[in-house]
């Protein structure tokens, strides 16, 4: 860190490393990539095991009955 006088004012200059408070290790890139891969794998497993398949509910049957009544059958 160094201070200089510019146009009658004291200006502080900070190096890139001092401004970042340390070195850049690129760990965030790996954490985001690995997390994304794990989420994709988890959803693939849930999809393969039929987790997202649902049985018909009473609401489904009532909608079908309304459709039949609307057609006049």
C-alpha atoms as a PDB file:
ATOM      1  CA  UNK A   1       0.000   0.000   0.000  1.00  0.00           C
ATOM      2  CA  UNK A   2       1.357   3.403  -0.858  1.00  0.00           C
ATOM      3  CA  UNK A   3       0.096   6.930  -0.500  1.00  0.00           C
ATOM      4  CA  UNK A   4       0.708   9.712  -2.989  1.00  0.00           C
ATOM      5  CA  UNK A   5      -0.263  13.324  -3.340  1.00  0.00           C
ATOM      6  CA  UNK A   6      -2.321  13.969  -6.443  1.00  0.00           C
ATOM      7  CA  UNK A   7      -3.789  17.415  -7.061  1.00  0.00           C
ATOM      8  CA  UNK A   8      -3.380  18.358  -3.419  1.00  0.00           C
ATOM      9  CA  UNK A   9      -5.137  15.230  -2.133  1.00  0.00           C
ATOM     10  CA  UNK A  10      -3.658  12.142  -0.513  1.00  0.00           C
ATOM     11  CA  UNK A  11      -4.522   9.069  -2.590  1.00  0.00           C
ATOM     12  CA  UNK A  12      -3.958   5.504  -1.390  1.00  0.00           C
ATOM     13  CA  UNK A  13      -2.951   2.892  -3.962  1.00  0.00           C
ATOM     14  CA  UNK A  14      -3.509  -0.774  -3.114  1.00  0.00           C
ATOM     15  CA  UNK A  15      -2.065  -3.706  -5.045  1.00  0.00           C
ATOM     16  CA  UNK A  16      -4.334  -6.353  -6.572  1.00  0.00           C
ATOM     17  CA  UNK A  17      -3.369  -8.958  -3.941  1.00  0.00           C
ATOM     18  CA  UNK A  18      -3.998  -6.543  -1.081  1.00  0.00           C
ATOM     19  CA  UNK A  19      -7.365  -5.554  -2.519  1.00  0.00           C
ATOM     20  CA  UNK A  20      -8.433  -9.198  -2.814  1.00  0.00           C
ATOM     21  CA  UNK A  21      -7.094 -10.013   0.649  1.00  0.00           C
ATOM     22  CA  UNK A  22      -5.175 -12.999  -0.662  1.00  0.00           C
ATOM     23  CA  UNK A  23      -4.395 -15.119  -3.652  1.00  0.00           C
ATOM     24  CA  UNK A  24      -6.915 -16.502  -6.112  1.00  0.00           C
ATOM     25  CA  UNK A  25      -7.063 -20.307  -5.930  1.00  0.00           C
ATOM     26  CA  UNK A  26      -9.977 -20.987  -8.321  1.00  0.00           C
ATOM     27  CA  UNK A  27     -11.608 -23.294  -5.764  1.00  0.00           C
ATOM     28  CA  UNK A  28     -15.034 -21.789  -6.462  1.00  0.00           C
ATOM     29  CA  UNK A  29     -14.920 -23.057 -10.039  1.00  0.00           C
ATOM     30  CA  UNK A  30     -14.438 -26.640  -8.858  1.00  0.00           C
ATOM     31  CA  UNK A  31     -17.067 -26.410  -6.110  1.00  0.00           C
ATOM     32  CA  UNK A  32     -19.693 -25.142  -8.570  1.00  0.00           C
ATOM     33  CA  UNK A  33     -18.830 -27.771 -11.186  1.00  0.00           C
ATOM     34  CA  UNK A  34     -18.884 -30.673  -8.751  1.00  0.00           C
ATOM     35  CA  UNK A  35     -22.134 -29.453  -7.143  1.00  0.00           C
ATOM     36  CA  UNK A  36     -23.828 -29.162 -10.524  1.00  0.00           C
ATOM     37  CA  UNK A  37     -22.713 -32.671 -11.479  1.00  0.00           C
ATOM     38  CA  UNK A  38     -24.034 -34.094  -8.185  1.00  0.00           C
ATOM     39  CA  UNK A  39     -27.424 -32.425  -8.656  1.00  0.00           C
ATOM     40  CA  UNK A  40     -27.724 -33.775 -12.201  1.00  0.00           C
ATOM     41  CA  UNK A  41     -26.826 -37.295 -10.998  1.00  0.00           C
ATOM     42  CA  UNK A  42     -29.342 -37.053  -8.124  1.00  0.00           C
ATOM     43  CA  UNK A  43     -32.169 -36.026 -10.477  1.00  0.00           C
ATOM     44  CA  UNK A  44     -31.223 -38.766 -12.943  1.00  0.00           C
ATOM     45  CA  UNK A  45     -31.461 -41.348 -10.140  1.00  0.00           C
ATOM     46  CA  UNK A  46     -34.836 -39.962  -9.005  1.00  0.00           C
ATOM     47  CA  UNK A  47     -36.141 -40.017 -12.573  1.00  0.00           C
ATOM     48  CA  UNK A  48     -34.859 -43.572 -13.166  1.00  0.00           C
ATOM     49  CA  UNK A  49     -36.472 -44.896  -9.980  1.00  0.00           C
ATOM     50  CA  UNK A  50     -39.868 -43.421 -10.828  1.00  0.00           C
ATOM     51  CA  UNK A  51     -39.894 -40.895  -8.025  1.00  0.00           C
ATOM     52  CA  UNK A  52     -41.676 -38.317 -10.186  1.00  0.00           C
ATOM     53  CA  UNK A  53     -44.431 -40.683 -11.349  1.00  0.00           C
ATOM     54  CA  UNK A  54     -47.701 -40.066  -9.530  1.00  0.00           C
ATOM     55  CA  UNK A  55     -50.841 -42.141  -9.381  1.00  0.00           C
ATOM     56  CA  UNK A  56     -54.146 -40.661 -10.463  1.00  0.00           C
ATOM     57  CA  UNK A  57     -55.862 -38.690  -7.770  1.00  0.00           C
ATOM     58  CA  UNK A  58     -59.478 -37.839  -7.171  1.00  0.00           C
ATOM     59  CA  UNK A  59     -58.882 -34.490  -8.856  1.00  0.00           C
ATOM     60  CA  UNK A  60     -57.813 -36.281 -12.044  1.00  0.00           C
ATOM     61  CA  UNK A  61     -60.997 -38.344 -12.050  1.00  0.00           C
ATOM     62  CA  UNK A  62     -63.222 -35.311 -11.517  1.00  0.00           C
ATOM     63  CA  UNK A  63     -61.562 -33.534 -14.437  1.00  0.00           C
ATOM     64  CA  UNK A  64     -62.194 -36.574 -16.619  1.00  0.00           C
ATOM     65  CA  UNK A  65     -65.847 -36.660 -15.531  1.00  0.00           C
ATOM     66  CA  UNK A  66     -66.241 -32.972 -16.357  1.00  0.00           C
ATOM     67  CA  UNK A  67     -64.727 -33.569 -19.795  1.00  0.00           C
ATOM     68  CA  UNK A  68     -67.232 -36.378 -20.450  1.00  0.00           C
ATOM     69  CA  UNK A  69     -70.131 -34.167 -19.345  1.00  0.00           C
ATOM     70  CA  UNK A  70     -68.896 -31.324 -21.523  1.00  0.00           C
ATOM     71  CA  UNK A  71     -68.885 -33.621 -24.583  1.00  0.00           C
ATOM     72  CA  UNK A  72     -72.452 -34.673 -23.856  1.00  0.00           C
ATOM     73  CA  UNK A  73     -71.660 -38.369 -23.466  1.00  0.00           C
END
